[in-house]
Amino acid sequence: MSSHYPFTLLPLPYSYEALSPAIGEETLHFHHDKHMSTYVENLNKALEAHPDLQGLSLESLLKKLDRLPKDVQTAVQNNGGGVYNHQLYFSTLANPNSGTKPSEDIKKAIERDFGGIEKMFEQLKKAALGRFGSGWAYVVTDENGVLSICSTANQDVPELCSFLPLFTVDVWEHAYYLDYQNRRADYFDAFTSLINWDAVSRIYKERSSHF
């Protein structure tokens, strides 16, 4: 998340077939190559006329959103948020046979704050299914390593000055409609098998650099 203008579309860290059958190849092509690419392009367009903002990281832009020039705030909120959310989403997924497991630190935090992984997923599912229309549901940590669940609409992100998202589930229809049509619950259940716990554990371990 540390790159700055001009932002580029990062390639997927796995093949387009890697998440099948939970998330199909066609879905990944549309979702990553079309939808996420558009957010990257529009974020760069929004920053073209603001050279004073071009050295800021994506995270810094989103943290300082209310201090940005009025004419660029909405574009950064929508498109910067779209880039941030999608980068997190794609980078914390993995082939279900990859065998990644939570580190001891995050495993203990999940036990302490949710009562176990299954209970965590129950709360995350409730947030994901309860999000009316398009949006996201996240597992986040605060600076003390305490975990919680939150949800945002559209391409909004959690309050980044207070929370660091560890992973997120995308509940925009383009994330799952080709594979599941209107069955968001089935998509969520399949999504839980794709968590790249190595990536999530690394984010949790490095959280101190975020705050």
Foldseek 3Di string as FASTA:
>chain_A
DFDFPLDDQDDFPDQLPQLPPLFHSVLCCCVRVPVLRVLSVQLNVLCVVPPVRRNGGLLVCLLCLVVDPPSRSVSSQQSSLSNVQVVQARVFFGRLPPPADADPLVQVLCCVQQVGDVSVLVVQLCQLVPDPAWWKKFWKAFLVGHTDIDIDHRSGDPNQVGIDTLHMDTNHCSNPCVNQNPPSSSSSVSRVSTGRNVSSNVCSVPVNVSD
